[in-house]
Every structure is written in C-alpha cells, then in structure tokens.
Amino acid sequence: MQTIFVMVKCELGKAYDVADNAVAVEQVSEVYSTSGQYDLLMKCYLDEKTDIGHFVTSQIQTLPGVKDTFTLITFKAFS
C-alpha cells in the first residue's frame, strides 16, 4: 500500500463541493480544508500497482471544481 497526499486548489466557492465529491473516491481516506495556497488536503491510499500519476489525473483532477493539484509521495510513516 502506498500513501500519497494531494493538495487541491479549487475554483472559487467550490471547495466544499470538491470535498464532498472526493470522499466518494474509494482511495481517498480523508479530506481536510486548509488555509494558504491550497484549499484541500486529501490523504489517499493506493495499491502498490497503481500508477500515481494516472490516479491523480483521472480521479482527482477531473473532480468538478478542481483548479490545480500538488502531489506529495510518501516514503515511510513514523508513529
């Protein structure tokens, strides 16, 4: 399992709509509203075989109201 975080910039006034649609995507675990340059932070769990670029461009960037994304790929989780 690989974990990625996708920061999402939304069209004005669309952040809550984008968040509502994102939680319906099976691989999206959590969606947070954030301050700063991006409006949302999405935590996603992908199978090892999943192409990250394809997932982001086909599942996240195509959500209505998404304007831009920035993807962070993780290496190791510490607890």
C-alpha atoms as a PDB file:
ATOM      1  CA  MET A   1       0.000   0.000   0.000  1.00  0.00           C
ATOM      2  CA  GLN A   2       1.337   3.447  -0.863  1.00  0.00           C
ATOM      3  CA  THR A   3       0.175   6.685   0.736  1.00  0.00           C
ATOM      4  CA  ILE A   4       0.036   9.995  -1.099  1.00  0.00           C
ATOM      5  CA  PHE A   5      -1.231  13.424  -0.152  1.00  0.00           C
ATOM      6  CA  VAL A   6      -2.836  15.611  -2.804  1.00  0.00           C
ATOM      7  CA  MET A   7      -3.167  19.324  -2.191  1.00  0.00           C
ATOM      8  CA  VAL A   8      -6.042  20.772  -4.224  1.00  0.00           C
ATOM      9  CA  LYS A   9      -6.741  24.318  -5.336  1.00  0.00           C
ATOM     10  CA  CYS A  10     -10.442  24.761  -6.096  1.00  0.00           C
ATOM     11  CA  GLU A  11     -12.447  27.175  -8.158  1.00  0.00           C
ATOM     12  CA  LEU A  12     -13.787  29.992  -6.004  1.00  0.00           C
ATOM     13  CA  GLY A  13     -16.672  28.843  -3.822  1.00  0.00           C
ATOM     14  CA  LYS A  14     -16.293  25.162  -4.782  1.00  0.00           C
ATOM     15  CA  ALA A  15     -14.088  23.725  -2.002  1.00  0.00           C
ATOM     16  CA  TYR A  16     -16.945  22.067  -0.099  1.00  0.00           C
ATOM     17  CA  ASP A  17     -18.395  20.587  -3.294  1.00  0.00           C
ATOM     18  CA  VAL A  18     -14.984  19.206  -4.280  1.00  0.00           C
ATOM     19  CA  ALA A  19     -14.513  17.743  -0.782  1.00  0.00           C
ATOM     20  CA  ASP A  20     -17.933  16.078  -0.902  1.00  0.00           C
ATOM     21  CA  ASN A  21     -17.125  14.501  -4.278  1.00  0.00           C
ATOM     22  CA  ALA A  22     -13.609  13.471  -3.207  1.00  0.00           C
ATOM     23  CA  VAL A  23     -14.745  11.411  -0.221  1.00  0.00           C
ATOM     24  CA  ALA A  24     -16.732   9.276  -2.657  1.00  0.00           C
ATOM     25  CA  VAL A  25     -13.480   8.202  -4.372  1.00  0.00           C
ATOM     26  CA  GLU A  26     -12.597   4.809  -2.891  1.00  0.00           C
ATOM     27  CA  GLN A  27      -8.873   5.526  -2.473  1.00  0.00           C
ATOM     28  CA  VAL A  28      -9.414   8.861  -0.705  1.00  0.00           C
ATOM     29  CA  SER A  29      -9.203   8.238   3.029  1.00  0.00           C
ATOM     30  CA  GLU A  30      -9.534  11.763   4.427  1.00  0.00           C
ATOM     31  CA  VAL A  31     -10.121  15.292   3.132  1.00  0.00           C
ATOM     32  CA  TYR A  32      -9.135  18.377   5.132  1.00  0.00           C
ATOM     33  CA  SER A  33      -9.879  22.014   4.408  1.00  0.00           C
ATOM     34  CA  THR A  34      -6.695  24.069   4.718  1.00  0.00           C
ATOM     35  CA  SER A  35      -5.520  27.657   4.739  1.00  0.00           C
ATOM     36  CA  GLY A  36      -2.894  29.005   2.396  1.00  0.00           C
ATOM     37  CA  GLN A  37      -2.245  28.446  -1.289  1.00  0.00           C
ATOM     38  CA  TYR A  38      -4.346  25.265  -1.500  1.00  0.00           C
ATOM     39  CA  ASP A  39      -7.914  24.729  -0.293  1.00  0.00           C
ATOM     40  CA  LEU A  40      -7.966  20.988   0.446  1.00  0.00           C
ATOM     41  CA  LEU A  41      -5.578  18.247   1.521  1.00  0.00           C
ATOM     42  CA  MET A  42      -6.504  14.685   0.541  1.00  0.00           C
ATOM     43  CA  LYS A  43      -4.930  11.581   2.030  1.00  0.00           C
ATOM     44  CA  CYS A  44      -5.058   8.670  -0.400  1.00  0.00           C
ATOM     45  CA  TYR A  45      -4.124   5.003  -0.065  1.00  0.00           C
ATOM     46  CA  LEU A  46      -3.201   3.310  -3.345  1.00  0.00           C
ATOM     47  CA  ASP A  47      -2.325  -0.267  -4.212  1.00  0.00           C
ATOM     48  CA  GLU A  48       1.361  -0.772  -4.987  1.00  0.00           C
ATOM     49  CA  LYS A  49       0.468  -1.461  -8.633  1.00  0.00           C
ATOM     50  CA  THR A  50      -1.481   1.795  -9.046  1.00  0.00           C
ATOM     51  CA  ASP A  51       0.156   4.430 -11.231  1.00  0.00           C
ATOM     52  CA  ILE A  52       0.124   7.575  -9.058  1.00  0.00           C
ATOM     53  CA  GLY A  53       0.123   9.992 -11.982  1.00  0.00           C
ATOM     54  CA  HIS A  54      -2.771   8.234 -13.650  1.00  0.00           C
ATOM     55  CA  PHE A  55      -4.751   8.140 -10.392  1.00  0.00           C
ATOM     56  CA  VAL A  56      -4.285  11.866  -9.747  1.00  0.00           C
ATOM     57  CA  THR A  57      -5.044  12.953 -13.309  1.00  0.00           C
ATOM     58  CA  SER A  58      -8.040  10.658 -13.784  1.00  0.00           C
ATOM     59  CA  GLN A  59      -9.612  10.540 -10.305  1.00  0.00           C
ATOM     60  CA  ILE A  60      -8.705  13.816  -8.566  1.00  0.00           C
ATOM     61  CA  GLN A  61      -8.056  16.423 -11.264  1.00  0.00           C
ATOM     62  CA  THR A  62     -11.301  15.522 -13.039  1.00  0.00           C
ATOM     63  CA  LEU A  63     -13.490  16.238  -9.993  1.00  0.00           C
ATOM     64  CA  PRO A  64     -15.766  19.203 -10.781  1.00  0.00           C
ATOM     65  CA  GLY A  65     -14.332  22.413  -9.322  1.00  0.00           C
ATOM     66  CA  VAL A  66     -10.679  21.318  -9.146  1.00  0.00           C
ATOM     67  CA  LYS A  67      -8.378  24.019 -10.493  1.00  0.00           C
ATOM     68  CA  ASP A  68      -4.890  22.714  -9.620  1.00  0.00           C
ATOM     69  CA  THR A  69      -3.181  19.942  -7.642  1.00  0.00           C
ATOM     70  CA  PHE A  70       0.157  19.325  -5.941  1.00  0.00           C
ATOM     71  CA  THR A  71       1.001  15.717  -5.060  1.00  0.00           C
ATOM     72  CA  LEU A  72       3.261  14.569  -2.225  1.00  0.00           C
ATOM     73  CA  ILE A  73       4.534  10.985  -2.370  1.00  0.00           C
ATOM     74  CA  THR A  74       5.409   9.467   1.000  1.00  0.00           C
ATOM     75  CA  PHE A  75       8.223   7.062   1.838  1.00  0.00           C
ATOM     76  CA  LYS A  76       7.768   5.928   5.437  1.00  0.00           C
ATOM     77  CA  ALA A  77       5.249   6.574   8.210  1.00  0.00           C
ATOM     78  CA  PHE A  78       6.549   7.069  11.742  1.00  0.00           C
ATOM     79  CA  SER A  79       4.468   6.599  14.866  1.00  0.00           C
END
